[in-house]
């Protein structure tokens, strides 16, 4: 299976908005891409995907960007997997949504 489904069939979570559902889906796809080995996905293709999404996200309005960052923060706060939580916490800086504090 190319994509690891995060939820069991029949237990799909309910989202309060389309934005929440799409944010979760986007993070799932990018988490998968980020975690792929070179045998699973060509590294150049992975970089193209990540850069393409980052470019799209930088085109969001300030309000959209703030909403998305807030959604990511909520997702990180609820995440039980430490590695995925770290991915979520670093997502805004890694995707160019905020200035990197370092």
N, C-alpha and C. Protein backbone atom coordinates (compact mmCIF):
# COMPACT_ATOMS: atom_id res chain seq x y z
N UNK A 1 0.85 -1.17 0.00
CA UNK A 1 0.00 0.00 0.00
C UNK A 1 0.90 1.23 0.00
N UNK A 2 0.65 2.14 -0.94
CA UNK A 2 1.48 3.34 -1.04
C UNK A 2 1.23 4.33 0.07
N UNK A 3 0.02 4.46 0.52
CA UNK A 3 -0.32 5.48 1.50
C UNK A 3 -0.90 4.82 2.73
N UNK A 4 -0.28 5.04 3.85
CA UNK A 4 -0.76 4.47 5.10
C UNK A 4 -1.97 5.26 5.58
N UNK A 5 -3.11 4.62 5.66
CA UNK A 5 -4.33 5.29 6.11
C UNK A 5 -4.24 5.50 7.61
N UNK A 6 -4.47 6.73 8.01
CA UNK A 6 -4.33 7.11 9.41
C UNK A 6 -5.46 6.57 10.28
N UNK A 7 -6.65 6.41 9.73
CA UNK A 7 -7.79 5.97 10.50
C UNK A 7 -8.28 4.63 9.98
N UNK A 8 -8.90 3.89 10.87
CA UNK A 8 -9.48 2.62 10.47
C UNK A 8 -10.72 2.90 9.64
N UNK A 9 -11.00 2.01 8.70
CA UNK A 9 -12.20 2.15 7.89
C UNK A 9 -13.41 2.11 8.82
N UNK A 10 -14.34 3.01 8.57
CA UNK A 10 -15.55 3.06 9.38
C UNK A 10 -15.43 3.99 10.58
N UNK A 11 -14.24 4.50 10.85
CA UNK A 11 -14.09 5.40 11.99
C UNK A 11 -13.54 6.75 11.54
N UNK A 12 -13.95 7.18 10.36
CA UNK A 12 -13.48 8.46 9.82
C UNK A 12 -13.93 9.58 10.75
N UNK A 13 -13.00 10.43 11.14
CA UNK A 13 -13.34 11.50 12.07
C UNK A 13 -14.22 12.56 11.42
N UNK A 14 -14.99 13.23 12.22
CA UNK A 14 -15.81 14.34 11.75
C UNK A 14 -15.03 15.62 12.00
N UNK A 15 -15.01 16.49 11.03
CA UNK A 15 -14.28 17.74 11.13
C UNK A 15 -15.25 18.90 11.25
N UNK A 16 -14.88 19.93 12.00
CA UNK A 16 -15.77 21.07 12.16
C UNK A 16 -15.84 21.94 10.90
N UNK A 17 -14.89 21.77 9.98
CA UNK A 17 -14.91 22.57 8.75
C UNK A 17 -14.15 21.85 7.65
N UNK A 18 -14.39 22.30 6.44
CA UNK A 18 -13.63 21.78 5.31
C UNK A 18 -12.15 22.11 5.47
N UNK A 19 -11.85 23.29 5.98
CA UNK A 19 -10.45 23.68 6.19
C UNK A 19 -9.74 22.69 7.11
N UNK A 20 -10.40 22.24 8.16
CA UNK A 20 -9.79 21.27 9.09
C UNK A 20 -9.53 19.94 8.38
N UNK A 21 -10.49 19.49 7.61
CA UNK A 21 -10.34 18.22 6.89
C UNK A 21 -9.20 18.31 5.88
N UNK A 22 -9.14 19.42 5.14
CA UNK A 22 -8.09 19.57 4.13
C UNK A 22 -6.71 19.74 4.77
N UNK A 23 -6.64 20.44 5.90
CA UNK A 23 -5.37 20.58 6.61
C UNK A 23 -4.86 19.21 7.06
N UNK A 24 -5.75 18.41 7.60
CA UNK A 24 -5.37 17.06 8.04
C UNK A 24 -4.91 16.22 6.86
N UNK A 25 -5.62 16.29 5.75
CA UNK A 25 -5.25 15.52 4.56
C UNK A 25 -3.89 15.98 4.02
N UNK A 26 -3.68 17.28 3.96
CA UNK A 26 -2.41 17.81 3.47
C UNK A 26 -1.25 17.36 4.35
N UNK A 27 -1.43 17.45 5.64
CA UNK A 27 -0.37 17.03 6.57
C UNK A 27 -0.11 15.54 6.41
N UNK A 28 -1.16 14.74 6.26
CA UNK A 28 -0.97 13.29 6.08
C UNK A 28 -0.13 13.00 4.84
N UNK A 29 -0.44 13.67 3.73
CA UNK A 29 0.30 13.44 2.49
C UNK A 29 1.76 13.86 2.65
N UNK A 30 1.98 15.05 3.22
CA UNK A 30 3.35 15.53 3.37
C UNK A 30 4.13 14.72 4.39
N UNK A 31 3.47 14.23 5.43
CA UNK A 31 4.11 13.34 6.42
C UNK A 31 4.57 12.06 5.72
N UNK A 32 3.71 11.55 4.84
CA UNK A 32 4.06 10.35 4.08
C UNK A 32 5.27 10.62 3.18
N UNK A 33 5.20 11.73 2.40
CA UNK A 33 6.30 12.08 1.48
C UNK A 33 7.60 12.26 2.26
N UNK A 34 7.54 12.96 3.36
CA UNK A 34 8.72 13.23 4.17
C UNK A 34 9.34 11.93 4.70
N UNK A 35 8.49 10.95 4.99
CA UNK A 35 8.97 9.70 5.57
C UNK A 35 9.34 8.62 4.56
N UNK A 36 9.15 8.88 3.28
CA UNK A 36 9.46 7.88 2.26
C UNK A 36 10.96 7.66 2.14
N UNK A 37 11.31 6.42 1.93
CA UNK A 37 12.71 6.11 1.62
C UNK A 37 12.94 6.38 0.14
N UNK A 38 14.20 6.40 -0.25
CA UNK A 38 14.54 6.62 -1.65
C UNK A 38 13.96 5.54 -2.56
N UNK A 39 13.76 4.35 -2.02
CA UNK A 39 13.19 3.25 -2.79
C UNK A 39 11.68 3.43 -2.98
N UNK A 40 11.04 4.09 -2.04
CA UNK A 40 9.59 4.30 -2.13
C UNK A 40 9.24 5.47 -3.04
N UNK A 41 10.07 6.52 -3.03
CA UNK A 41 9.80 7.70 -3.83
C UNK A 41 11.12 8.33 -4.22
N UNK A 42 11.20 8.71 -5.47
CA UNK A 42 12.40 9.40 -5.95
C UNK A 42 12.60 10.67 -5.14
N UNK A 43 13.78 10.88 -4.57
CA UNK A 43 14.02 12.07 -3.74
C UNK A 43 13.75 13.39 -4.47
N UNK A 44 14.06 13.44 -5.76
CA UNK A 44 13.79 14.66 -6.53
C UNK A 44 12.29 14.93 -6.62
N UNK A 45 11.50 13.87 -6.78
CA UNK A 45 10.04 14.03 -6.81
C UNK A 45 9.52 14.49 -5.46
N UNK A 46 10.07 13.93 -4.39
CA UNK A 46 9.65 14.34 -3.05
C UNK A 46 9.92 15.82 -2.83
N UNK A 47 11.10 16.27 -3.24
CA UNK A 47 11.45 17.69 -3.09
C UNK A 47 10.50 18.56 -3.91
N UNK A 48 10.18 18.14 -5.13
CA UNK A 48 9.25 18.90 -5.97
C UNK A 48 7.89 19.03 -5.30
N UNK A 49 7.41 17.95 -4.70
CA UNK A 49 6.11 17.99 -4.02
C UNK A 49 6.17 18.96 -2.85
N UNK A 50 7.19 18.82 -2.00
CA UNK A 50 7.31 19.68 -0.82
C UNK A 50 7.47 21.14 -1.20
N UNK A 51 8.30 21.42 -2.21
CA UNK A 51 8.49 22.80 -2.64
C UNK A 51 7.23 23.37 -3.28
N UNK A 52 6.51 22.54 -4.04
CA UNK A 52 5.26 22.99 -4.66
C UNK A 52 4.22 23.37 -3.63
N UNK A 53 4.07 22.53 -2.61
CA UNK A 53 3.11 22.83 -1.55
C UNK A 53 3.54 24.06 -0.77
N UNK A 54 4.83 24.16 -0.47
CA UNK A 54 5.33 25.34 0.25
C UNK A 54 5.04 26.61 -0.53
N UNK A 55 5.24 26.57 -1.83
CA UNK A 55 4.96 27.74 -2.66
C UNK A 55 3.48 28.10 -2.60
N UNK A 56 2.62 27.11 -2.74
CA UNK A 56 1.18 27.37 -2.66
C UNK A 56 0.79 27.97 -1.31
N UNK A 57 1.35 27.44 -0.24
CA UNK A 57 1.01 27.93 1.09
C UNK A 57 1.48 29.36 1.30
N UNK A 58 2.59 29.74 0.70
CA UNK A 58 3.05 31.13 0.86
C UNK A 58 2.17 32.11 0.10
N UNK A 59 1.29 31.60 -0.76
CA UNK A 59 0.38 32.46 -1.51
C UNK A 59 -0.92 32.74 -0.74
N UNK A 60 -1.08 32.11 0.42
CA UNK A 60 -2.28 32.34 1.23
C UNK A 60 -2.31 33.79 1.73
N UNK A 61 -3.52 34.29 1.90
CA UNK A 61 -3.65 35.62 2.52
C UNK A 61 -3.21 35.52 3.97
N UNK A 62 -3.00 36.66 4.60
CA UNK A 62 -2.59 36.66 6.02
C UNK A 62 -3.62 35.96 6.89
N UNK A 63 -4.91 36.20 6.63
CA UNK A 63 -5.96 35.54 7.41
C UNK A 63 -5.97 34.04 7.20
N UNK A 64 -5.81 33.61 5.94
CA UNK A 64 -5.77 32.18 5.65
C UNK A 64 -4.54 31.52 6.29
N UNK A 65 -3.43 32.22 6.22
CA UNK A 65 -2.19 31.71 6.80
C UNK A 65 -2.35 31.55 8.31
N UNK A 66 -2.92 32.55 8.97
CA UNK A 66 -3.14 32.48 10.42
C UNK A 66 -4.08 31.34 10.78
N UNK A 67 -5.14 31.18 10.00
CA UNK A 67 -6.08 30.08 10.25
C UNK A 67 -5.39 28.73 10.12
N UNK A 68 -4.58 28.58 9.07
CA UNK A 68 -3.88 27.32 8.85
C UNK A 68 -2.88 27.04 9.97
N UNK A 69 -2.14 28.05 10.37
CA UNK A 69 -1.17 27.88 11.47
C UNK A 69 -1.89 27.50 12.76
N UNK A 70 -3.04 28.11 13.02
CA UNK A 70 -3.83 27.75 14.20
C UNK A 70 -4.30 26.30 14.13
N UNK A 71 -4.74 25.87 12.94
CA UNK A 71 -5.16 24.47 12.76
C UNK A 71 -4.00 23.52 13.04
N UNK A 72 -2.83 23.86 12.53
CA UNK A 72 -1.64 23.02 12.76
C UNK A 72 -1.31 22.95 14.24
N UNK A 73 -1.43 24.09 14.94
CA UNK A 73 -1.18 24.10 16.38
C UNK A 73 -2.13 23.19 17.13
N UNK A 74 -3.40 23.22 16.75
CA UNK A 74 -4.39 22.35 17.37
C UNK A 74 -4.11 20.88 17.09
N UNK A 75 -3.71 20.61 15.85
CA UNK A 75 -3.37 19.23 15.49
C UNK A 75 -2.16 18.75 16.28
N UNK A 76 -1.16 19.61 16.43
CA UNK A 76 0.04 19.24 17.19
C UNK A 76 -0.30 18.98 18.65
N UNK A 77 -1.16 19.81 19.21
CA UNK A 77 -1.53 19.65 20.62
C UNK A 77 -2.24 18.33 20.88
N UNK A 78 -2.98 17.83 19.89
CA UNK A 78 -3.73 16.58 20.05
C UNK A 78 -2.95 15.35 19.61
N UNK A 79 -1.81 15.55 18.97
CA UNK A 79 -1.04 14.43 18.41
C UNK A 79 -0.36 13.63 19.51
N UNK A 80 -0.50 12.32 19.45
CA UNK A 80 0.12 11.44 20.45
C UNK A 80 1.46 10.86 19.98
N UNK A 81 1.71 10.86 18.68
CA UNK A 81 2.97 10.37 18.14
C UNK A 81 3.99 11.49 18.24
N UNK A 82 5.06 11.32 19.05
CA UNK A 82 6.04 12.40 19.23
C UNK A 82 6.69 12.87 17.93
N UNK A 83 7.00 11.96 17.03
CA UNK A 83 7.65 12.35 15.77
C UNK A 83 6.69 13.16 14.90
N UNK A 84 5.45 12.75 14.85
CA UNK A 84 4.45 13.49 14.06
C UNK A 84 4.16 14.85 14.72
N UNK A 85 4.12 14.88 16.05
CA UNK A 85 3.91 16.16 16.76
C UNK A 85 5.04 17.13 16.41
N UNK A 86 6.27 16.65 16.40
CA UNK A 86 7.41 17.49 16.04
C UNK A 86 7.28 17.98 14.60
N UNK A 87 6.84 17.10 13.70
CA UNK A 87 6.61 17.48 12.30
C UNK A 87 5.58 18.60 12.22
N UNK A 88 4.48 18.45 12.97
CA UNK A 88 3.43 19.46 12.97
C UNK A 88 3.91 20.79 13.56
N UNK A 89 4.67 20.71 14.63
CA UNK A 89 5.18 21.93 15.27
C UNK A 89 6.14 22.69 14.35
N UNK A 90 6.93 21.96 13.58
CA UNK A 90 7.88 22.59 12.69
C UNK A 90 7.32 22.96 11.33
N UNK A 91 6.12 22.48 11.04
CA UNK A 91 5.51 22.67 9.72
C UNK A 91 5.44 24.13 9.29
N UNK A 92 4.93 25.06 10.12
CA UNK A 92 4.85 26.45 9.66
C UNK A 92 6.20 27.03 9.24
N UNK A 93 7.24 26.82 10.00
CA UNK A 93 8.56 27.34 9.65
C UNK A 93 9.15 26.60 8.45
N UNK A 94 8.99 25.27 8.42
CA UNK A 94 9.56 24.49 7.35
C UNK A 94 8.90 24.76 6.00
N UNK A 95 7.66 25.20 6.02
CA UNK A 95 6.93 25.48 4.78
C UNK A 95 6.90 26.97 4.45
N UNK A 96 7.65 27.75 5.20
CA UNK A 96 7.75 29.17 4.89
C UNK A 96 6.55 30.02 5.30
N UNK A 97 5.73 29.50 6.22
CA UNK A 97 4.56 30.25 6.67
C UNK A 97 4.91 31.28 7.72
N UNK A 98 6.01 31.05 8.42
CA UNK A 98 6.48 31.99 9.46
C UNK A 98 8.00 32.07 9.34
N UNK A 99 8.54 33.11 9.88
CA UNK A 99 10.00 33.23 9.91
C UNK A 99 10.55 32.21 10.89
N UNK A 100 11.61 31.54 10.49
CA UNK A 100 12.27 30.56 11.36
C UNK A 100 12.94 31.33 12.49
N UNK A 101 12.65 30.90 13.73
CA UNK A 101 13.17 31.58 14.92
C UNK A 101 14.67 31.38 15.14
N UNK A 102 15.27 30.42 14.45
CA UNK A 102 16.69 30.14 14.69
C UNK A 102 17.61 31.01 13.89
